[in-house]
C-alpha atoms as a PDB file:
ATOM      1  CA  UNK A   1       0.132  -0.212   0.130  1.00  0.00           C
ATOM      2  CA  UNK A   2       1.041   3.410  -0.757  1.00  0.00           C
ATOM      3  CA  UNK A   3       0.524   6.656   0.232  1.00  0.00           C
ATOM      4  CA  UNK A   4       1.502  10.259  -0.242  1.00  0.00           C
ATOM      5  CA  UNK A   5       0.970  13.642   1.345  1.00  0.00           C
ATOM      6  CA  UNK A   6       1.947  16.832   2.612  1.00  0.00           C
ATOM      7  CA  UNK A   7       3.522  17.142   6.230  1.00  0.00           C
ATOM      8  CA  UNK A   8       1.295  18.962   8.710  1.00  0.00           C
ATOM      9  CA  UNK A   9       3.268  19.056  11.885  1.00  0.00           C
ATOM     10  CA  UNK A  10       2.328  18.872  15.257  1.00  0.00           C
ATOM     11  CA  UNK A  11       4.148  18.414  18.826  1.00  0.00           C
ATOM     12  CA  UNK A  12       3.929  15.903  21.552  1.00  0.00           C
ATOM     13  CA  UNK A  13       1.121  14.549  23.405  1.00  0.00           C
ATOM     14  CA  UNK A  14      -1.686  14.991  21.302  1.00  0.00           C
ATOM     15  CA  UNK A  15      -4.761  14.287  23.159  1.00  0.00           C
ATOM     16  CA  UNK A  16      -8.019  12.875  21.881  1.00  0.00           C
ATOM     17  CA  UNK A  17      -9.244  16.398  23.111  1.00  0.00           C
ATOM     18  CA  UNK A  18      -7.130  18.206  20.966  1.00  0.00           C
ATOM     19  CA  UNK A  19      -7.861  16.320  18.066  1.00  0.00           C
ATOM     20  CA  UNK A  20     -11.726  17.039  18.471  1.00  0.00           C
ATOM     21  CA  UNK A  21     -12.801  18.578  21.661  1.00  0.00           C
ATOM     22  CA  UNK A  22     -14.709  17.461  24.341  1.00  0.00           C
ATOM     23  CA  UNK A  23     -17.651  19.767  23.622  1.00  0.00           C
ATOM     24  CA  UNK A  24     -18.618  18.869  20.582  1.00  0.00           C
ATOM     25  CA  UNK A  25     -18.862  14.809  21.450  1.00  0.00           C
ATOM     26  CA  UNK A  26     -22.406  14.918  21.742  1.00  0.00           C
ATOM     27  CA  UNK A  27     -23.537  18.386  20.260  1.00  0.00           C
ATOM     28  CA  UNK A  28     -22.441  17.210  16.921  1.00  0.00           C
ATOM     29  CA  UNK A  29     -23.278  13.696  15.628  1.00  0.00           C
ATOM     30  CA  UNK A  30     -22.664  14.054  12.182  1.00  0.00           C
ATOM     31  CA  UNK A  31     -19.338  13.159  11.188  1.00  0.00           C
ATOM     32  CA  UNK A  32     -18.297  15.489   8.164  1.00  0.00           C
ATOM     33  CA  UNK A  33     -19.883  17.836  10.173  1.00  0.00           C
ATOM     34  CA  UNK A  34     -17.638  17.017  13.313  1.00  0.00           C
ATOM     35  CA  UNK A  35     -14.275  16.703  11.083  1.00  0.00           C
ATOM     36  CA  UNK A  36     -14.367  20.506  10.235  1.00  0.00           C
ATOM     37  CA  UNK A  37     -13.427  21.295  13.864  1.00  0.00           C
ATOM     38  CA  UNK A  38     -10.378  19.079  13.736  1.00  0.00           C
ATOM     39  CA  UNK A  39      -7.423  20.635  15.916  1.00  0.00           C
ATOM     40  CA  UNK A  40      -9.479  23.615  16.547  1.00  0.00           C
ATOM     41  CA  UNK A  41      -8.369  24.183  20.060  1.00  0.00           C
ATOM     42  CA  UNK A  42      -4.795  24.039  18.986  1.00  0.00           C
ATOM     43  CA  UNK A  43      -4.884  25.487  16.025  1.00  0.00           C
ATOM     44  CA  UNK A  44      -8.001  27.310  14.769  1.00  0.00           C
ATOM     45  CA  UNK A  45      -6.963  26.881  11.029  1.00  0.00           C
ATOM     46  CA  UNK A  46      -5.735  23.441  11.335  1.00  0.00           C
ATOM     47  CA  UNK A  47      -8.785  22.313   9.078  1.00  0.00           C
ATOM     48  CA  UNK A  48      -8.198  24.605   6.147  1.00  0.00           C
ATOM     49  CA  UNK A  49      -4.743  23.465   5.885  1.00  0.00           C
ATOM     50  CA  UNK A  50      -5.901  19.808   4.913  1.00  0.00           C
ATOM     51  CA  UNK A  51      -5.838  18.929   1.261  1.00  0.00           C
ATOM     52  CA  UNK A  52      -8.206  16.100   1.372  1.00  0.00           C
ATOM     53  CA  UNK A  53      -6.214  12.791   0.198  1.00  0.00           C
ATOM     54  CA  UNK A  54      -3.054  14.637   0.108  1.00  0.00           C
ATOM     55  CA  UNK A  55      -2.276  15.656   3.746  1.00  0.00           C
ATOM     56  CA  UNK A  56      -0.605  13.518   6.590  1.00  0.00           C
ATOM     57  CA  UNK A  57      -0.370  14.634  10.139  1.00  0.00           C
ATOM     58  CA  UNK A  58       3.303  14.518  11.489  1.00  0.00           C
ATOM     59  CA  UNK A  59       3.733  14.726  15.277  1.00  0.00           C
ATOM     60  CA  UNK A  60       5.944  13.694  18.603  1.00  0.00           C
ATOM     61  CA  UNK A  61       5.477  11.281  21.092  1.00  0.00           C
ATOM     62  CA  UNK A  62       1.971   9.906  22.258  1.00  0.00           C
ATOM     63  CA  UNK A  63      -0.556  11.012  19.874  1.00  0.00           C
ATOM     64  CA  UNK A  64      -4.152  10.113  20.436  1.00  0.00           C
ATOM     65  CA  UNK A  65      -3.293   9.846  24.229  1.00  0.00           C
ATOM     66  CA  UNK A  66      -6.132  10.411  26.623  1.00  0.00           C
ATOM     67  CA  UNK A  67     -10.159   9.229  26.475  1.00  0.00           C
ATOM     68  CA  UNK A  68     -10.756   6.021  24.013  1.00  0.00           C
ATOM     69  CA  UNK A  69     -13.072   8.574  22.174  1.00  0.00           C
ATOM     70  CA  UNK A  70     -13.822   6.881  18.933  1.00  0.00           C
ATOM     71  CA  UNK A  71     -14.557  10.402  17.341  1.00  0.00           C
ATOM     72  CA  UNK A  72     -10.682  11.236  17.336  1.00  0.00           C
ATOM     73  CA  UNK A  73      -9.313   8.922  14.555  1.00  0.00           C
ATOM     74  CA  UNK A  74     -12.985   8.904  12.908  1.00  0.00           C
ATOM     75  CA  UNK A  75     -12.712  13.012  12.237  1.00  0.00           C
ATOM     76  CA  UNK A  76      -8.929  12.454  11.107  1.00  0.00           C
ATOM     77  CA  UNK A  77      -9.978  10.093   8.518  1.00  0.00           C
ATOM     78  CA  UNK A  78     -13.232  12.026   7.515  1.00  0.00           C
ATOM     79  CA  UNK A  79     -11.136  15.227   6.856  1.00  0.00           C
ATOM     80  CA  UNK A  80      -8.861  13.547   4.198  1.00  0.00           C
ATOM     81  CA  UNK A  81      -5.647  12.770   6.171  1.00  0.00           C
ATOM     82  CA  UNK A  82      -4.208   9.934   4.370  1.00  0.00           C
ATOM     83  CA  UNK A  83      -1.860   8.953   7.611  1.00  0.00           C
ATOM     84  CA  UNK A  84      -0.671   9.792  10.594  1.00  0.00           C
ATOM     85  CA  UNK A  85       3.151   9.664  11.623  1.00  0.00           C
ATOM     86  CA  UNK A  86       4.314   9.942  15.133  1.00  0.00           C
ATOM     87  CA  UNK A  87       7.043   8.793  17.178  1.00  0.00           C
ATOM     88  CA  UNK A  88       4.582   6.851  19.543  1.00  0.00           C
ATOM     89  CA  UNK A  89       1.156   6.585  19.655  1.00  0.00           C
ATOM     90  CA  UNK A  90      -1.580   5.864  22.340  1.00  0.00           C
ATOM     91  CA  UNK A  91      -2.324   2.095  22.385  1.00  0.00           C
ATOM     92  CA  UNK A  92      -6.213   2.726  22.313  1.00  0.00           C
ATOM     93  CA  UNK A  93      -6.109   5.218  19.482  1.00  0.00           C
ATOM     94  CA  UNK A  94      -3.409   2.738  17.611  1.00  0.00           C
ATOM     95  CA  UNK A  95      -5.931   0.069  17.625  1.00  0.00           C
ATOM     96  CA  UNK A  96      -9.112   2.224  16.780  1.00  0.00           C
ATOM     97  CA  UNK A  97      -7.339   3.785  14.089  1.00  0.00           C
ATOM     98  CA  UNK A  98      -6.343   0.403  12.446  1.00  0.00           C
ATOM     99  CA  UNK A  99     -10.169  -0.509  12.952  1.00  0.00           C
ATOM    100  CA  UNK A 100     -11.755   2.131  10.855  1.00  0.00           C
ATOM    101  CA  UNK A 101      -8.780   1.692   8.237  1.00  0.00           C
ATOM    102  CA  UNK A 102      -7.176   4.858   9.121  1.00  0.00           C
ATOM    103  CA  UNK A 103      -2.757   4.282   8.751  1.00  0.00           C
ATOM    104  CA  UNK A 104      -0.614   4.851  11.494  1.00  0.00           C
ATOM    105  CA  UNK A 105       3.342   5.114  11.434  1.00  0.00           C
ATOM    106  CA  UNK A 106       5.416   5.053  14.357  1.00  0.00           C
ATOM    107  CA  UNK A 107       8.815   6.832  13.020  1.00  0.00           C
ATOM    108  CA  UNK A 108      11.112   9.434  14.078  1.00  0.00           C
ATOM    109  CA  UNK A 109       9.460  12.765  13.449  1.00  0.00           C
ATOM    110  CA  UNK A 110      12.080  15.287  13.841  1.00  0.00           C
ATOM    111  CA  UNK A 111      13.887  15.398   9.977  1.00  0.00           C
ATOM    112  CA  UNK A 112      10.359  16.208   8.576  1.00  0.00           C
ATOM    113  CA  UNK A 113       9.302  20.092   8.743  1.00  0.00           C
ATOM    114  CA  UNK A 114       5.617  21.674   8.030  1.00  0.00           C
ATOM    115  CA  UNK A 115       4.660  20.836   4.417  1.00  0.00           C
ATOM    116  CA  UNK A 116       7.128  18.545   3.320  1.00  0.00           C
ATOM    117  CA  UNK A 117       6.186  15.701   0.627  1.00  0.00           C
ATOM    118  CA  UNK A 118       6.010  12.431   1.919  1.00  0.00           C
ATOM    119  CA  UNK A 119       5.805   9.053   0.184  1.00  0.00           C
ATOM    120  CA  UNK A 120       4.665   6.053   2.415  1.00  0.00           C
ATOM    121  CA  UNK A 121       5.063   2.297   1.524  1.00  0.00           C
ATOM    122  CA  UNK A 122       3.666   0.011   3.776  1.00  0.00           C
ATOM    123  CA  UNK A 123       4.915  -2.691   2.425  1.00  0.00           C
ATOM    124  CA  UNK A 124       8.278  -2.077   2.069  1.00  0.00           C
ATOM    125  CA  UNK A 125       8.415  -0.431   5.121  1.00  0.00           C
ATOM    126  CA  UNK A 126       9.785   3.048   3.788  1.00  0.00           C
ATOM    127  CA  UNK A 127       8.835   6.640   4.358  1.00  0.00           C
ATOM    128  CA  UNK A 128      10.469   9.086   1.780  1.00  0.00           C
ATOM    129  CA  UNK A 129      10.847  12.842   2.744  1.00  0.00           C
ATOM    130  CA  UNK A 130      10.910  13.787  -1.129  1.00  0.00           C
ATOM    131  CA  UNK A 131      11.393  17.391   0.018  1.00  0.00           C
ATOM    132  CA  UNK A 132      14.613  17.147   1.872  1.00  0.00           C
ATOM    133  CA  UNK A 133      15.516  13.822   0.181  1.00  0.00           C
ATOM    134  CA  UNK A 134      15.741  11.842   3.040  1.00  0.00           C
ATOM    135  CA  UNK A 135      14.735   8.094   3.175  1.00  0.00           C
ATOM    136  CA  UNK A 136      13.267   6.351   6.475  1.00  0.00           C
ATOM    137  CA  UNK A 137      13.116   2.552   7.208  1.00  0.00           C
ATOM    138  CA  UNK A 138      10.033   2.008   9.613  1.00  0.00           C
ATOM    139  CA  UNK A 139       8.779  -1.528  10.624  1.00  0.00           C
ATOM    140  CA  UNK A 140       6.533  -3.280   7.963  1.00  0.00           C
ATOM    141  CA  UNK A 141       2.579  -2.898   8.738  1.00  0.00           C
ATOM    142  CA  UNK A 142       1.646  -6.963   9.025  1.00  0.00           C
ATOM    143  CA  UNK A 143      -0.220  -8.013   6.325  1.00  0.00           C
ATOM    144  CA  UNK A 144      -3.667  -8.765   8.140  1.00  0.00           C
ATOM    145  CA  UNK A 145      -3.590  -4.963   9.382  1.00  0.00           C
ATOM    146  CA  UNK A 146      -3.002  -4.107   6.086  1.00  0.00           C
ATOM    147  CA  UNK A 147      -5.866  -5.765   4.412  1.00  0.00           C
ATOM    148  CA  UNK A 148      -7.765  -3.941   7.285  1.00  0.00           C
ATOM    149  CA  UNK A 149      -6.393  -0.602   5.767  1.00  0.00           C
ATOM    150  CA  UNK A 150      -7.092  -1.538   2.074  1.00  0.00           C
ATOM    151  CA  UNK A 151     -11.007  -2.404   3.148  1.00  0.00           C
ATOM    152  CA  UNK A 152     -11.277   0.405   5.153  1.00  0.00           C
ATOM    153  CA  UNK A 153     -11.496  -0.891   8.716  1.00  0.00           C
ATOM    154  CA  UNK A 154     -12.475  -3.931  10.409  1.00  0.00           C
ATOM    155  CA  UNK A 155     -16.117  -3.662   9.625  1.00  0.00           C
ATOM    156  CA  UNK A 156     -15.739  -3.355   6.071  1.00  0.00           C
ATOM    157  CA  UNK A 157     -13.139  -6.102   5.660  1.00  0.00           C
ATOM    158  CA  UNK A 158     -16.042  -8.245   8.020  1.00  0.00           C
ATOM    159  CA  UNK A 159     -18.564  -7.166   5.393  1.00  0.00           C
ATOM    160  CA  UNK A 160     -16.646  -8.220   2.238  1.00  0.00           C
ATOM    161  CA  UNK A 161     -15.448 -11.449   3.294  1.00  0.00           C
ATOM    162  CA  UNK A 162     -17.874 -12.424   6.340  1.00  0.00           C
ATOM    163  CA  UNK A 163     -14.658 -13.185   8.487  1.00  0.00           C
ATOM    164  CA  UNK A 164     -11.798 -11.467  10.450  1.00  0.00           C
ATOM    165  CA  UNK A 165      -8.411 -11.375   8.528  1.00  0.00           C
ATOM    166  CA  UNK A 166      -6.013 -14.312   9.733  1.00  0.00           C
ATOM    167  CA  UNK A 167      -2.858 -13.400  11.651  1.00  0.00           C
ATOM    168  CA  UNK A 168       0.424 -15.125  10.340  1.00  0.00           C
END
């Protein structure tokens, strides 16, 4: 699976309340409308920076910490972000993201800057920063998790194949 996008840089400890403010948790139930408020509390203009299908979030340590609110990965995906690259992820956020088909990659993000062009090859375990002409090796995402991503998440996978993917 290959993805590309322009880096939208964030820092460490981006919690689920930063991704989507808790004040919207029950006030807005439509995910398209909710996604317009992504990262609003830390960068009011963040949603305007997103180029749907051509943007990746690049963050520091502990991305997605906090509550297990499923709206957080959903608004990222709905906003048009193709992947999230970070030094580390909160475990429940990591699982929720793959369950909905949002790719996450653990990588040292220090050499990636705002608006750098990135190419991600999940099969080969490579991230290329084409702006800085740097290539990073990452741990390839296991085949069963890539199957979830290709189908748009676990629910879509089960609907299509009538079973869960096999872990090898």
